[in-house]
Amino acid sequence: MSTVQREEVSQIVSVPGLTVLVVDDEELSRNDLTWLLERASGVDEVLTAGSTTEAIRLLGARPETSALFLDVQMPGLDGLELARLLKNYKQPPAIAFVTAYEEYAIEAFDLEACDYLLKPVDADRLDETIRRMARSTGDDAVGQTSLASLVCRRGNDTYTISRDEISIVEAAGDLVRVHTDDGASHLVRESISSLTAAWSSVGYLRIHRSFLVRVSSITKVRTKAGARSVEVDGRELPVSRRYTRLLEDQLGRGT
């Protein structure tokens, strides 16, 4: 009888994250954004409120709340009015507006909002907003972490993988699988979008919604029937249209 070896999920070295409050009177929108935030890097806890009145009560009970995601149009006191009120706080939380309407953007930035997101919220765009909020609140651990190494566990063993050993990051549901130069792979509880944000400045390139690669590991670029692909560690990986220009810029190629 064969024995199935269980692979345990690797763990990122943890750093303190933001406590955020989502304020939206629409339950579906509130739940959707909460789901994204709970899976985002740099967020420790997500609170929710269905009205600005409830939000004010929560902020009083949870003064450590450092960031708010505010809908604009809500019954009674709306999101813009709540933001004006919060400016009177001694240490106001960072604010990002989340709305289906573009026309409030100027007023939102006049209120020194960190960001203005349109519904439905994109996960990659949300990661950038979280980093802006972290910088705004002075949380350097969240805003500037480079995820230079991953601490992994398998059975009773704990070991560290350096970012520089990783050639391919592959999306795997809510996790990612990182592939190292020695041919090994490890599941990591992290999103591909957060690793893209952290590693793009140090030689890694997103080529597809499912793949992030180390540029120096690309050995071939192919174009067949209008479709682009790259070879990394002997694997042929697809390049989606939205990332083709980034690839060309990185490799110094023309279109």
Protein backbone atom coordinates (compact mmCIF):
# COMPACT_ATOMS: atom_id res chain seq x y z
CA MET A 1 0.00 0.00 0.00
CA SER A 2 1.43 3.37 -0.97
CA THR A 3 1.75 6.15 1.59
CA VAL A 4 0.50 9.61 0.68
CA GLN A 5 2.82 12.28 2.04
CA ARG A 6 0.94 15.31 3.33
CA GLU A 7 2.28 18.70 2.25
CA GLU A 8 1.73 21.46 4.76
CA VAL A 9 1.07 25.02 3.67
CA SER A 10 4.08 27.30 3.99
CA GLN A 11 3.80 30.37 6.18
CA ILE A 12 4.96 33.90 5.43
CA VAL A 13 6.93 35.63 8.19
CA SER A 14 4.14 37.64 9.77
CA VAL A 15 4.22 41.40 10.30
CA PRO A 16 1.61 43.56 12.00
CA GLY A 17 -1.20 44.44 9.61
CA LEU A 18 -4.01 46.96 9.40
CA THR A 19 -7.33 46.76 11.19
CA VAL A 20 -9.82 47.96 8.58
CA LEU A 21 -13.50 48.89 8.66
CA VAL A 22 -15.72 48.42 5.60
CA VAL A 23 -18.71 50.77 5.61
CA ASP A 24 -21.39 50.06 3.00
CA ASP A 25 -25.17 49.85 3.30
CA GLU A 26 -25.33 47.24 0.50
CA GLU A 27 -24.73 43.83 2.03
CA LEU A 28 -23.50 42.16 -1.16
CA SER A 29 -20.91 44.86 -1.87
CA ARG A 30 -19.85 44.84 1.78
CA ASN A 31 -19.39 41.07 1.76
CA ASP A 32 -17.49 41.08 -1.54
CA LEU A 33 -14.99 43.67 -0.33
CA THR A 34 -14.64 41.96 3.04
CA TRP A 35 -13.83 38.68 1.27
CA LEU A 36 -11.04 40.37 -0.72
CA LEU A 37 -9.61 42.18 2.29
CA GLU A 38 -9.52 39.03 4.43
CA ARG A 39 -7.26 37.46 1.80
CA ALA A 40 -5.07 40.51 1.20
CA SER A 41 -1.53 40.91 2.45
CA GLY A 42 -1.13 43.60 5.11
CA VAL A 43 -4.58 43.25 6.69
CA ASP A 44 -4.95 41.70 10.16
CA GLU A 45 -8.65 42.19 10.84
CA VAL A 46 -11.71 43.32 8.89
CA LEU A 47 -14.67 44.96 10.64
CA THR A 48 -17.93 45.83 8.88
CA ALA A 49 -20.69 48.38 9.30
CA GLY A 50 -23.93 48.76 7.36
CA SER A 51 -24.28 52.49 8.05
CA THR A 52 -22.18 55.51 8.99
CA THR A 53 -23.90 55.60 12.39
CA GLU A 54 -22.80 52.04 13.08
CA ALA A 55 -19.32 52.92 11.82
CA ILE A 56 -19.00 55.79 14.32
CA ARG A 57 -20.01 53.44 17.16
CA LEU A 58 -17.45 50.86 16.04
CA LEU A 59 -14.68 53.45 15.79
CA GLY A 60 -15.44 54.50 19.35
CA ALA A 61 -15.27 50.90 20.56
CA ARG A 62 -12.26 49.98 18.41
CA PRO A 63 -9.96 53.04 18.35
CA GLU A 64 -7.12 50.92 16.94
CA THR A 65 -8.96 50.81 13.59
CA SER A 66 -6.45 52.30 11.18
CA ALA A 67 -8.22 52.28 7.81
CA LEU A 68 -11.74 52.75 6.41
CA PHE A 69 -13.21 51.64 3.09
CA LEU A 70 -16.21 53.94 2.66
CA ASP A 71 -19.09 53.78 0.23
CA VAL A 72 -20.11 57.27 -0.88
CA GLN A 73 -23.88 57.05 -1.26
CA MET A 74 -25.56 55.85 1.94
CA PRO A 75 -28.79 56.82 3.72
CA GLY A 76 -28.46 59.56 6.33
CA LEU A 77 -24.86 60.65 6.83
CA ASP A 78 -23.07 59.62 3.64
CA GLY A 79 -19.46 58.55 3.20
CA LEU A 80 -18.15 62.00 2.28
CA GLU A 81 -19.81 63.54 5.33
CA LEU A 82 -18.35 60.84 7.57
CA ALA A 83 -14.89 61.54 6.15
CA ARG A 84 -15.27 65.25 6.98
CA LEU A 85 -16.27 64.31 10.51
CA LEU A 86 -13.28 62.01 10.94
CA LYS A 87 -10.86 64.79 9.99
CA ASN A 88 -11.61 66.23 13.45
CA TYR A 89 -10.24 63.12 15.16
CA LYS A 90 -6.83 63.43 16.81
CA GLN A 91 -5.59 60.42 14.83
CA PRO A 92 -8.04 59.90 11.95
CA PRO A 93 -7.90 56.57 10.12
CA ALA A 94 -6.75 56.36 6.51
CA ILE A 95 -9.71 56.45 4.11
CA ALA A 96 -10.40 54.93 0.71
CA PHE A 97 -13.73 55.52 -1.00
CA VAL A 98 -15.38 52.59 -2.76
CA THR A 99 -18.22 53.48 -5.10
CA ALA A 100 -19.85 52.73 -8.43
CA TYR A 101 -19.70 56.40 -9.43
CA GLU A 102 -16.73 58.39 -10.75
CA GLU A 103 -18.14 61.86 -10.16
CA TYR A 104 -17.21 62.06 -6.46
CA ALA A 105 -13.47 61.55 -7.02
CA ILE A 106 -12.44 65.22 -6.87
CA GLU A 107 -14.32 65.80 -3.63
CA ALA A 108 -12.87 62.58 -2.18
CA PHE A 109 -9.28 63.65 -2.85
CA ASP A 110 -10.03 67.11 -1.50
CA LEU A 111 -10.71 65.25 1.74
CA GLU A 112 -7.21 63.73 1.47
CA ALA A 113 -8.46 60.22 0.79
CA CYS A 114 -5.74 57.63 0.16
CA ASP A 115 -7.60 56.22 -2.82
CA TYR A 116 -10.83 56.10 -4.81
CA LEU A 117 -11.92 52.64 -5.96
CA LEU A 118 -14.67 51.82 -8.42
CA LYS A 119 -16.91 48.79 -7.91
CA PRO A 120 -16.37 45.95 -8.55
CA VAL A 121 -13.00 46.20 -6.83
CA ASP A 122 -10.01 44.54 -8.51
CA ALA A 123 -7.76 42.53 -6.15
CA ASP A 124 -4.52 43.90 -7.62
CA ARG A 125 -5.81 47.46 -7.33
CA LEU A 126 -6.86 46.78 -3.75
CA ASP A 127 -3.33 45.67 -2.82
CA GLU A 128 -1.99 49.05 -3.96
CA THR A 129 -4.63 50.82 -1.87
CA ILE A 130 -3.63 48.84 1.22
CA ARG A 131 0.02 49.83 0.73
CA ARG A 132 -0.98 53.49 0.41
CA MET A 133 -3.00 53.25 3.59
CA ALA A 134 -0.11 51.59 5.40
CA ARG A 135 2.24 54.39 4.39
CA SER A 136 -0.36 56.97 5.39
CA THR A 137 -0.69 55.47 8.87
CA GLY A 138 3.07 55.12 9.26
CA ASP A 139 2.90 51.32 9.35
CA ASP A 140 6.21 50.68 7.59
CA ALA A 141 6.04 46.95 8.27
CA VAL A 142 2.99 46.72 6.03
CA GLY A 143 3.80 49.47 3.56
CA GLN A 144 7.41 48.53 2.88
CA THR A 145 7.72 44.80 3.54
CA SER A 146 9.56 43.11 0.68
CA LEU A 147 8.72 39.49 1.54
CA ALA A 148 12.40 38.72 0.93
CA SER A 149 12.07 35.27 2.46
CA LEU A 150 9.33 32.75 3.19
CA VAL A 151 9.37 30.60 6.29
CA CYS A 152 8.01 27.15 5.46
CA ARG A 153 6.91 24.17 7.50
CA ARG A 154 6.63 20.55 6.52
CA GLY A 155 5.86 18.08 9.28
CA ASN A 156 7.98 19.09 12.28
CA ASP A 157 10.59 20.84 10.14
CA THR A 158 10.81 24.59 9.64
CA TYR A 159 12.96 26.08 6.89
CA THR A 160 13.41 29.33 5.00
CA ILE A 161 13.20 29.93 1.26
CA SER A 162 14.94 33.02 -0.05
CA ARG A 163 13.05 35.02 -2.65
CA ASP A 164 16.15 34.77 -4.85
CA GLU A 165 15.76 30.98 -5.03
CA ILE A 166 12.30 31.28 -6.59
CA SER A 167 11.91 31.30 -10.37
CA ILE A 168 8.13 30.80 -10.78
CA VAL A 169 5.14 31.73 -8.65
CA GLU A 170 1.95 29.94 -9.70
CA ALA A 171 -1.54 30.77 -8.48
CA ALA A 172 -3.21 27.87 -6.67
CA GLY A 173 -6.68 28.95 -5.58
CA ASP A 174 -6.34 31.20 -2.54
CA LEU A 175 -2.67 30.15 -2.23
CA VAL A 176 0.37 30.18 -4.48
CA ARG A 177 2.88 27.47 -5.34
CA VAL A 178 6.45 28.74 -5.52
CA HIS A 179 8.92 26.81 -7.69
CA THR A 180 12.60 27.01 -6.76
CA ASP A 181 15.77 26.65 -8.82
CA ASP A 182 16.40 23.14 -7.49
CA GLY A 183 13.11 21.90 -8.95
CA ALA A 184 11.19 21.82 -5.64
CA SER A 185 7.84 23.51 -5.05
CA HIS A 186 6.10 24.77 -1.91
CA LEU A 187 2.56 25.93 -1.19
CA VAL A 188 2.45 29.38 0.40
CA ARG A 189 -0.48 31.12 2.06
CA GLU A 190 -0.15 34.34 0.06
CA SER A 191 -1.78 35.88 -3.02
CA ILE A 192 0.00 36.20 -6.35
CA SER A 193 -1.01 39.87 -6.49
CA SER A 194 0.71 40.71 -3.19
CA LEU A 195 3.91 38.93 -4.25
CA THR A 196 3.75 40.78 -7.57
CA ALA A 197 3.49 44.09 -5.72
CA ALA A 198 6.38 43.20 -3.41
CA TRP A 199 8.73 41.69 -6.00
CA SER A 200 8.16 43.67 -9.22
CA SER A 201 10.95 46.09 -8.30
CA VAL A 202 13.50 43.31 -7.74
CA GLY A 203 13.42 41.46 -11.04
CA TYR A 204 10.08 39.60 -11.08
CA LEU A 205 7.41 40.05 -13.74
CA ARG A 206 3.74 39.14 -13.87
CA ILE A 207 3.09 37.47 -17.23
CA HIS A 208 -0.38 36.04 -16.64
CA ARG A 209 -3.09 36.09 -13.99
CA SER A 210 -1.67 32.74 -12.84
CA PHE A 211 2.09 33.30 -13.20
CA LEU A 212 4.80 35.57 -11.79
CA VAL A 213 8.35 34.80 -12.97
CA ARG A 214 11.93 35.89 -12.30
CA VAL A 215 12.96 37.75 -15.46
CA SER A 216 16.54 36.44 -15.38
CA SER A 217 15.17 32.87 -15.53
CA ILE A 218 13.40 33.42 -18.88
CA THR A 219 15.39 31.48 -21.48
CA LYS A 220 13.08 31.72 -24.50
CA VAL A 221 10.22 33.85 -25.77
CA ARG A 222 7.91 32.31 -28.35
CA THR A 223 5.11 33.65 -30.53
CA LYS A 224 2.85 31.14 -32.22
CA ALA A 225 -0.46 31.92 -33.92
CA GLY A 226 -0.43 35.32 -32.23
CA ALA A 227 -0.02 33.82 -28.74
CA ARG A 228 3.06 34.67 -26.67
CA SER A 229 4.77 32.33 -24.22
CA VAL A 230 8.05 32.14 -22.28
CA GLU A 231 10.23 29.27 -21.17
CA VAL A 232 11.36 29.22 -17.54
CA ASP A 233 13.20 26.24 -16.03
CA GLY A 234 12.13 24.10 -18.97
CA ARG A 235 8.44 25.00 -18.58
CA GLU A 236 6.51 26.84 -21.25
CA LEU A 237 4.26 29.44 -19.62
CA PRO A 238 1.58 31.55 -21.32
CA VAL A 239 1.82 35.34 -21.52
CA SER A 240 -1.57 37.03 -21.55
CA ARG A 241 -2.22 40.05 -23.76
CA ARG A 242 -2.49 42.48 -20.85
CA TYR A 243 1.09 41.63 -19.75
CA THR A 244 2.72 41.42 -23.20
CA ARG A 245 3.90 45.05 -23.21
CA LEU A 246 5.43 44.66 -19.74
CA LEU A 247 7.35 41.63 -20.97
CA GLU A 248 8.59 43.48 -24.04
CA ASP A 249 9.71 46.43 -21.91
CA GLN A 250 11.58 44.15 -19.52
CA LEU A 251 13.37 42.27 -22.27
CA GLY A 252 14.03 45.35 -24.40
CA ARG A 253 12.06 43.98 -27.37
CA GLY A 254 9.96 45.86 -29.87
CA THR A 255 6.38 44.92 -30.67
